[in-house]
Structure formats: structure tokens, C-alpha cells
Amino acid sequence: MTQDPMGRGIIKWQPFASIPQQFKGIADIIDNQRKIPRPILNDDEKERINYYLVEAVERKNDVSLVYWVKGRIETVIGKIKKVDQINATVIFIDTYGSSHTLSMISLVDLF
């Protein structure tokens, strides 16, 4: 009984990203294709978010903040510490106790 040669296996599919610079370039292209433009909220959505912000500050509830940053939508859970109307920012503390400042322009949803 003869044994078939094993061949190179999965190695033969590596030339797609065999050069590190090529791999980085391809990863950058894929990341750029996944980016989305900042969502534009209508007046009703802005009012609802504002209502939940005020309620979260008063009750000190945990909320989920959904925000846009650099072409991606991120979600974080935490407590709203302060809403700064002058600078249009929201200061919140995440579940790990770290304080963060978020621009109200980038805020997409709140629940």
C-alpha cells in the first residue's frame, strides 16, 4: 500500500497575506470598509435621549450608552455622573469605576 504525500497543508493558502506590510494594508482596508458614518438623530430621538439622561442623573441608575466613535458604534454600561450643557458633554462612570467624558454629538442611543 502506498502512502500519499502530505503536501504543504494550509501553508499553500498563506500567500494572500505573506508579507507583513501587505497583511497590515489588507487589515486597514477591511477596517475602513466596516466604518459607518455618524448617525444623524431626529428631534424625537434627541428628546428621548435627553429625557433618559435627566432621569439617569436623578435616579443614579445604570444605563447603556451607545455612541459613535471613529466610524464604529460602541456600547458602555455605567452611571451618568454629570451632563455638561455648556460643553455638550456627558461624564459617566463605567462598571469598572473609570470616569469617561463623552461628547453629546457622538451619543446615538441611551437605555
Protein backbone atom coordinates (compact mmCIF):
# COMPACT_ATOMS: atom_id res chain seq x y z
CA MET A 1 0.00 0.00 0.00
CA THR A 2 1.43 3.37 -1.00
CA GLN A 3 1.12 6.40 1.12
CA ASP A 4 0.01 9.70 -0.45
CA PRO A 5 2.34 12.63 0.13
CA MET A 6 1.05 15.06 2.76
CA GLY A 7 1.72 18.20 0.79
CA ARG A 8 2.02 21.63 2.34
CA GLY A 9 -1.39 21.61 4.01
CA ILE A 10 -2.75 25.01 4.95
CA ILE A 11 0.51 26.76 4.08
CA LYS A 12 -0.43 26.94 0.42
CA TRP A 13 -3.18 29.46 1.27
CA GLN A 14 -0.86 31.91 3.04
CA PRO A 15 0.42 33.98 0.10
CA PHE A 16 -2.68 36.21 0.44
CA ALA A 17 -1.02 37.89 3.42
CA SER A 18 2.51 36.54 3.38
CA ILE A 19 4.25 39.91 3.64
CA PRO A 20 3.63 41.73 6.97
CA GLN A 21 3.17 45.10 5.23
CA GLN A 22 0.64 43.54 2.87
CA PHE A 23 -1.22 42.00 5.80
CA LYS A 24 -1.38 45.37 7.58
CA GLY A 25 -2.59 47.08 4.40
CA ILE A 26 -5.31 44.49 3.86
CA ALA A 27 -6.40 44.77 7.51
CA ASP A 28 -6.62 48.58 7.14
CA ILE A 29 -8.75 48.25 4.01
CA ILE A 30 -11.11 45.83 5.77
CA ASP A 31 -11.36 48.15 8.81
CA ASN A 32 -12.13 51.13 6.57
CA GLN A 33 -14.91 49.18 4.83
CA ARG A 34 -16.53 48.41 8.19
CA LYS A 35 -16.67 52.07 9.24
CA ILE A 36 -20.04 53.79 9.24
CA PRO A 37 -20.89 57.49 9.10
CA ARG A 38 -22.10 59.19 12.27
CA PRO A 39 -25.86 58.62 12.64
CA ILE A 40 -27.98 61.76 12.44
CA LEU A 41 -30.70 61.84 15.08
CA ASN A 42 -34.08 63.44 14.55
CA ASP A 43 -35.66 65.73 17.15
CA ASP A 44 -37.75 62.97 18.75
CA GLU A 45 -34.69 60.80 19.33
CA LYS A 46 -32.79 63.74 20.82
CA GLU A 47 -35.68 64.48 23.19
CA ARG A 48 -35.89 60.84 24.28
CA ILE A 49 -32.13 60.69 24.95
CA ASN A 50 -32.29 63.96 26.87
CA TYR A 51 -35.19 62.63 28.97
CA TYR A 52 -33.26 59.45 29.82
CA LEU A 53 -30.14 61.48 30.66
CA VAL A 54 -32.04 63.63 33.15
CA GLU A 55 -33.75 60.58 34.63
CA ALA A 56 -30.44 58.68 34.93
CA VAL A 57 -28.76 61.61 36.72
CA GLU A 58 -31.65 61.99 39.18
CA ARG A 59 -32.10 58.31 39.95
CA LYS A 60 -28.42 57.31 39.62
CA ASN A 61 -29.42 54.25 37.56
CA ASP A 62 -27.08 52.18 35.45
CA VAL A 63 -27.64 52.98 31.79
CA SER A 64 -26.31 51.69 28.49
CA LEU A 65 -24.73 54.44 26.43
CA VAL A 66 -24.50 53.76 22.71
CA TYR A 67 -22.14 56.15 20.97
CA TRP A 68 -20.29 56.62 17.70
CA VAL A 69 -16.50 56.86 17.69
CA LYS A 70 -14.16 56.80 14.66
CA GLY A 71 -16.64 55.02 12.40
CA ARG A 72 -17.79 52.42 14.94
CA ILE A 73 -20.76 52.13 17.27
CA GLU A 74 -19.68 51.35 20.85
CA THR A 75 -21.78 50.47 23.90
CA VAL A 76 -20.82 51.00 27.52
CA ILE A 77 -22.74 50.45 30.74
CA GLY A 78 -22.36 52.84 33.64
CA LYS A 79 -23.79 55.65 35.75
CA ILE A 80 -24.21 59.20 34.50
CA LYS A 81 -22.24 61.50 36.80
CA LYS A 82 -22.88 64.84 35.13
CA VAL A 83 -24.37 66.35 31.99
CA ASP A 84 -22.46 69.49 30.98
CA GLN A 85 -24.76 71.54 28.75
CA ILE A 86 -22.17 74.27 28.14
CA ASN A 87 -19.53 71.93 26.71
CA ALA A 88 -22.13 69.44 25.39
CA THR A 89 -20.52 66.50 27.18
CA VAL A 90 -21.68 63.64 29.38
CA ILE A 91 -19.44 62.48 32.21
CA PHE A 92 -20.10 58.89 33.24
CA ILE A 93 -18.54 56.17 35.34
CA ASP A 94 -18.34 52.71 33.76
CA THR A 95 -18.85 49.41 35.58
CA TYR A 96 -15.12 49.26 36.39
CA GLY A 97 -15.19 52.64 38.16
CA SER A 98 -13.35 54.61 35.48
CA SER A 99 -14.61 58.10 34.66
CA HIS A 100 -15.14 58.97 30.97
CA THR A 101 -16.20 62.08 29.10
CA LEU A 102 -18.34 61.65 26.02
CA SER A 103 -19.45 64.31 23.54
CA MET A 104 -23.21 64.57 23.26
CA ILE A 105 -22.83 64.81 19.48
CA SER A 106 -21.48 61.26 19.36
CA LEU A 107 -24.28 59.88 21.58
CA VAL A 108 -26.54 57.65 19.47
CA ASP A 109 -28.83 55.94 22.00
CA LEU A 110 -29.39 55.56 25.70
CA PHE A 111 -31.39 52.93 27.56
